[in-house]
N, C-alpha and C. Protein backbone atom coordinates (compact mmCIF):
# COMPACT_ATOMS: atom_id res chain seq x y z
N MET A 1 -12.30 35.82 1.58
CA MET A 1 -12.64 34.94 0.39
C MET A 1 -11.85 33.64 0.53
N ILE A 2 -12.57 32.56 0.29
CA ILE A 2 -11.91 31.22 0.34
C ILE A 2 -11.05 31.07 -0.86
N LYS A 3 -9.73 30.75 -0.62
CA LYS A 3 -8.79 30.56 -1.74
C LYS A 3 -8.29 29.13 -2.01
N PHE A 4 -8.59 28.25 -0.97
CA PHE A 4 -8.25 26.84 -1.17
C PHE A 4 -9.23 25.98 -0.32
N LEU A 5 -9.36 24.73 -0.78
CA LEU A 5 -10.19 23.76 -0.10
C LEU A 5 -9.42 22.60 0.49
N ILE A 6 -9.84 22.14 1.63
CA ILE A 6 -9.20 20.95 2.27
C ILE A 6 -10.28 19.88 2.32
N HIS A 7 -9.97 18.73 1.75
CA HIS A 7 -11.00 17.66 1.64
C HIS A 7 -11.24 16.98 2.92
N ASP A 8 -10.25 16.77 3.75
CA ASP A 8 -10.31 16.05 5.00
C ASP A 8 -9.39 16.74 6.03
N GLU A 9 -9.81 16.75 7.32
CA GLU A 9 -9.03 17.38 8.32
C GLU A 9 -7.59 16.86 8.50
N GLN A 10 -7.40 15.63 8.10
CA GLN A 10 -6.06 15.00 8.18
C GLN A 10 -5.16 15.29 6.98
N ASP A 11 -5.70 15.92 5.94
CA ASP A 11 -4.94 16.19 4.71
C ASP A 11 -3.79 17.14 5.01
N MET A 12 -2.70 16.94 4.23
CA MET A 12 -1.51 17.74 4.38
C MET A 12 -1.42 18.84 3.32
N VAL A 13 -2.30 18.79 2.38
CA VAL A 13 -2.34 19.85 1.29
C VAL A 13 -3.81 20.26 1.05
N GLY A 14 -3.96 21.46 0.61
CA GLY A 14 -5.23 22.01 0.12
C GLY A 14 -5.18 22.26 -1.39
N VAL A 15 -6.30 22.43 -1.94
CA VAL A 15 -6.38 22.67 -3.44
C VAL A 15 -6.83 24.11 -3.66
N ALA A 16 -6.03 24.87 -4.40
CA ALA A 16 -6.33 26.26 -4.70
C ALA A 16 -7.56 26.35 -5.61
N VAL A 17 -8.56 27.20 -5.21
CA VAL A 17 -9.71 27.45 -5.99
C VAL A 17 -9.64 28.78 -6.71
N ALA A 18 -8.46 29.42 -6.53
CA ALA A 18 -8.14 30.71 -7.26
C ALA A 18 -6.65 30.82 -7.25
N ASP A 19 -6.02 31.53 -8.15
CA ASP A 19 -4.62 31.72 -8.16
C ASP A 19 -4.23 32.43 -6.83
N ILE A 20 -3.08 31.96 -6.26
CA ILE A 20 -2.57 32.44 -5.03
C ILE A 20 -1.16 33.10 -5.28
N LYS A 21 -0.89 34.28 -4.80
CA LYS A 21 0.36 34.97 -5.01
C LYS A 21 1.26 34.80 -3.79
N THR A 22 2.57 34.83 -4.05
CA THR A 22 3.53 34.78 -2.99
C THR A 22 3.31 35.85 -1.98
N GLY A 23 3.38 35.50 -0.67
CA GLY A 23 3.19 36.45 0.42
C GLY A 23 1.75 36.73 0.78
N GLU A 24 0.82 36.18 0.08
CA GLU A 24 -0.62 36.35 0.28
C GLU A 24 -1.08 35.51 1.49
N ALA A 25 -1.78 36.15 2.43
CA ALA A 25 -2.44 35.41 3.47
C ALA A 25 -3.75 34.92 2.96
N VAL A 26 -3.94 33.59 2.87
CA VAL A 26 -5.12 32.97 2.28
C VAL A 26 -5.88 32.13 3.26
N ILE A 27 -7.20 32.08 2.98
CA ILE A 27 -8.02 31.34 3.84
C ILE A 27 -8.56 30.10 3.10
N GLY A 28 -8.48 28.90 3.79
CA GLY A 28 -8.96 27.72 3.21
C GLY A 28 -10.12 27.14 4.05
N LYS A 29 -11.03 26.43 3.45
CA LYS A 29 -12.19 25.85 4.12
C LYS A 29 -12.04 24.37 4.14
N ILE A 30 -12.31 23.73 5.28
CA ILE A 30 -12.36 22.29 5.38
C ILE A 30 -13.76 21.89 4.93
N GLN A 31 -13.84 21.03 3.90
CA GLN A 31 -15.14 20.64 3.43
C GLN A 31 -15.87 19.84 4.46
N ASP A 32 -17.22 19.98 4.42
CA ASP A 32 -18.11 19.25 5.34
C ASP A 32 -18.00 19.83 6.73
N SER A 33 -17.44 21.03 6.93
CA SER A 33 -17.43 21.63 8.22
C SER A 33 -17.37 23.15 8.07
N ASP A 34 -17.49 23.84 9.17
CA ASP A 34 -17.43 25.28 9.12
C ASP A 34 -16.04 25.79 9.44
N LYS A 35 -15.09 24.92 9.57
CA LYS A 35 -13.71 25.31 9.98
C LYS A 35 -12.97 25.92 8.81
N THR A 36 -12.14 26.94 9.14
CA THR A 36 -11.27 27.54 8.18
C THR A 36 -9.88 27.51 8.66
N VAL A 37 -8.91 27.66 7.75
CA VAL A 37 -7.50 27.61 8.04
C VAL A 37 -6.90 28.85 7.31
N GLU A 38 -6.01 29.59 7.96
CA GLU A 38 -5.31 30.71 7.35
C GLU A 38 -3.86 30.40 7.23
N ILE A 39 -3.31 30.56 6.04
CA ILE A 39 -1.85 30.24 5.74
C ILE A 39 -1.32 31.38 4.89
N LYS A 40 -0.02 31.77 5.09
CA LYS A 40 0.64 32.69 4.28
C LYS A 40 1.41 31.92 3.21
N SER A 41 1.09 32.25 1.95
CA SER A 41 1.72 31.58 0.85
C SER A 41 3.17 31.98 0.68
N VAL A 42 4.10 31.06 0.46
CA VAL A 42 5.48 31.35 0.28
C VAL A 42 5.90 31.18 -1.22
N SER A 43 4.92 30.90 -2.08
CA SER A 43 5.16 30.80 -3.50
C SER A 43 3.86 30.99 -4.24
N ASP A 44 3.95 31.32 -5.54
CA ASP A 44 2.77 31.41 -6.36
C ASP A 44 2.17 30.05 -6.55
N ILE A 45 0.85 29.91 -6.47
CA ILE A 45 0.20 28.63 -6.57
C ILE A 45 -0.97 28.83 -7.59
N PRO A 46 -0.92 28.17 -8.71
CA PRO A 46 -1.99 28.31 -9.72
C PRO A 46 -3.30 27.61 -9.23
N LEU A 47 -4.41 28.10 -9.80
CA LEU A 47 -5.66 27.48 -9.60
C LEU A 47 -5.60 26.00 -9.88
N GLY A 48 -6.10 25.20 -8.96
CA GLY A 48 -6.17 23.74 -9.11
C GLY A 48 -4.90 23.03 -8.55
N HIS A 49 -3.88 23.76 -8.17
CA HIS A 49 -2.69 23.14 -7.64
C HIS A 49 -2.72 23.08 -6.12
N LYS A 50 -1.80 22.43 -5.52
CA LYS A 50 -1.79 22.16 -4.08
C LYS A 50 -0.96 23.19 -3.32
N ILE A 51 -1.47 23.47 -2.08
CA ILE A 51 -0.74 24.32 -1.10
C ILE A 51 -0.45 23.46 0.12
N ALA A 52 0.75 23.53 0.66
CA ALA A 52 1.15 22.77 1.80
C ALA A 52 0.57 23.36 3.02
N LEU A 53 -0.11 22.52 3.80
CA LEU A 53 -0.75 22.96 5.08
C LEU A 53 0.15 22.86 6.26
N ARG A 54 1.27 22.19 6.07
CA ARG A 54 2.29 22.09 7.17
C ARG A 54 3.65 21.81 6.58
N ASP A 55 4.70 21.95 7.36
CA ASP A 55 6.01 21.61 6.90
C ASP A 55 6.11 20.06 6.69
N MET A 56 6.85 19.70 5.67
CA MET A 56 7.03 18.27 5.38
C MET A 56 8.47 17.99 5.07
N ALA A 57 9.00 16.90 5.56
CA ALA A 57 10.38 16.50 5.32
C ALA A 57 10.52 15.77 4.03
N ALA A 58 11.70 15.73 3.48
CA ALA A 58 11.99 14.99 2.21
C ALA A 58 11.71 13.51 2.50
N GLY A 59 11.02 12.85 1.52
CA GLY A 59 10.64 11.47 1.69
C GLY A 59 9.43 11.18 2.51
N GLU A 60 8.74 12.22 2.91
CA GLU A 60 7.50 12.08 3.72
C GLU A 60 6.33 11.77 2.81
N ARG A 61 5.48 10.86 3.18
CA ARG A 61 4.24 10.56 2.53
C ARG A 61 3.23 11.72 2.69
N VAL A 62 2.61 12.15 1.51
CA VAL A 62 1.69 13.25 1.55
C VAL A 62 0.22 12.68 1.44
N ILE A 63 -0.63 13.19 2.34
CA ILE A 63 -1.98 12.78 2.41
C ILE A 63 -2.92 13.83 1.80
N LYS A 64 -3.81 13.42 0.95
CA LYS A 64 -4.90 14.24 0.40
C LYS A 64 -6.09 13.34 0.16
N TYR A 65 -7.25 13.87 0.35
CA TYR A 65 -8.48 13.04 0.34
C TYR A 65 -8.41 11.94 1.37
N HIS A 66 -7.66 12.18 2.40
CA HIS A 66 -7.47 11.14 3.51
C HIS A 66 -6.71 9.96 3.02
N VAL A 67 -6.05 9.97 1.89
CA VAL A 67 -5.26 8.82 1.35
C VAL A 67 -3.88 9.35 0.95
N PRO A 68 -2.88 8.50 0.91
CA PRO A 68 -1.56 8.86 0.43
C PRO A 68 -1.59 9.16 -1.07
N ILE A 69 -0.98 10.24 -1.58
CA ILE A 69 -0.94 10.54 -2.98
C ILE A 69 0.47 10.55 -3.50
N GLY A 70 1.43 10.48 -2.67
CA GLY A 70 2.85 10.50 -3.10
C GLY A 70 3.76 10.84 -1.95
N LYS A 71 5.08 10.89 -2.33
CA LYS A 71 6.16 11.24 -1.36
C LYS A 71 6.86 12.50 -1.81
N THR A 72 7.24 13.26 -0.86
CA THR A 72 8.01 14.49 -1.16
C THR A 72 9.44 14.12 -1.66
N VAL A 73 9.95 14.88 -2.58
CA VAL A 73 11.29 14.62 -3.11
C VAL A 73 12.28 15.63 -2.47
N GLN A 74 11.75 16.55 -1.72
CA GLN A 74 12.52 17.53 -1.02
C GLN A 74 11.69 18.10 0.06
N ALA A 75 12.26 18.79 1.02
CA ALA A 75 11.52 19.38 2.13
C ALA A 75 10.58 20.42 1.55
N ILE A 76 9.38 20.56 2.13
CA ILE A 76 8.34 21.49 1.70
C ILE A 76 7.91 22.32 2.95
N LYS A 77 7.88 23.60 2.80
CA LYS A 77 7.39 24.50 3.90
C LYS A 77 5.86 24.74 3.77
N VAL A 78 5.29 25.02 4.96
CA VAL A 78 3.88 25.40 5.01
C VAL A 78 3.73 26.60 4.03
N GLY A 79 2.67 26.57 3.24
CA GLY A 79 2.39 27.64 2.27
C GLY A 79 3.04 27.54 0.95
N GLU A 80 3.86 26.47 0.73
CA GLU A 80 4.53 26.27 -0.50
C GLU A 80 3.70 25.55 -1.54
N HIS A 81 3.98 25.79 -2.75
CA HIS A 81 3.32 25.13 -3.95
C HIS A 81 3.80 23.66 -3.88
N VAL A 82 2.88 22.74 -3.92
CA VAL A 82 3.19 21.30 -3.95
C VAL A 82 2.71 20.76 -5.29
N HIS A 83 3.74 20.31 -6.10
CA HIS A 83 3.44 19.78 -7.43
C HIS A 83 4.54 18.85 -7.84
N THR A 84 4.68 18.52 -9.12
CA THR A 84 5.60 17.53 -9.57
C THR A 84 7.08 17.88 -9.33
N HIS A 85 7.38 19.13 -9.06
CA HIS A 85 8.77 19.51 -8.79
C HIS A 85 9.21 19.08 -7.37
N ASN A 86 8.29 18.83 -6.47
CA ASN A 86 8.66 18.45 -5.11
C ASN A 86 7.83 17.29 -4.58
N LEU A 87 7.04 16.62 -5.42
CA LEU A 87 6.19 15.47 -5.02
C LEU A 87 6.22 14.43 -6.12
N LYS A 88 6.50 13.22 -5.73
CA LYS A 88 6.46 12.04 -6.65
C LYS A 88 5.27 11.21 -6.36
N THR A 89 4.43 10.95 -7.36
CA THR A 89 3.26 10.13 -7.18
C THR A 89 3.63 8.74 -6.79
N GLU A 90 2.79 8.04 -6.07
CA GLU A 90 2.99 6.69 -5.70
C GLU A 90 2.31 5.74 -6.73
N ARG A 91 1.68 6.32 -7.75
CA ARG A 91 0.98 5.50 -8.75
C ARG A 91 1.88 4.83 -9.67
N TRP A 92 3.00 5.48 -10.09
CA TRP A 92 3.93 4.92 -11.04
C TRP A 92 5.32 5.38 -10.75
């Protein structure tokens, strides 16, 4: 079952289309292709929130929809919940 979507192959995060539990091996689909990605979640991720597709360093720019959406405020591991606690928007 698909648990998250990836909008562009270069994106660093996917969007959960169902609640994801810690330790769960989840499959994501890259939109506009038949490719899938499997990741083990390292934290609970609510529906509509982001999951890290790769490790990211503190201060790294995060790409979603093939555009920058913010910078990490701490290191983020693959499979981790990405939200306001570890990502600062570049909008304001």
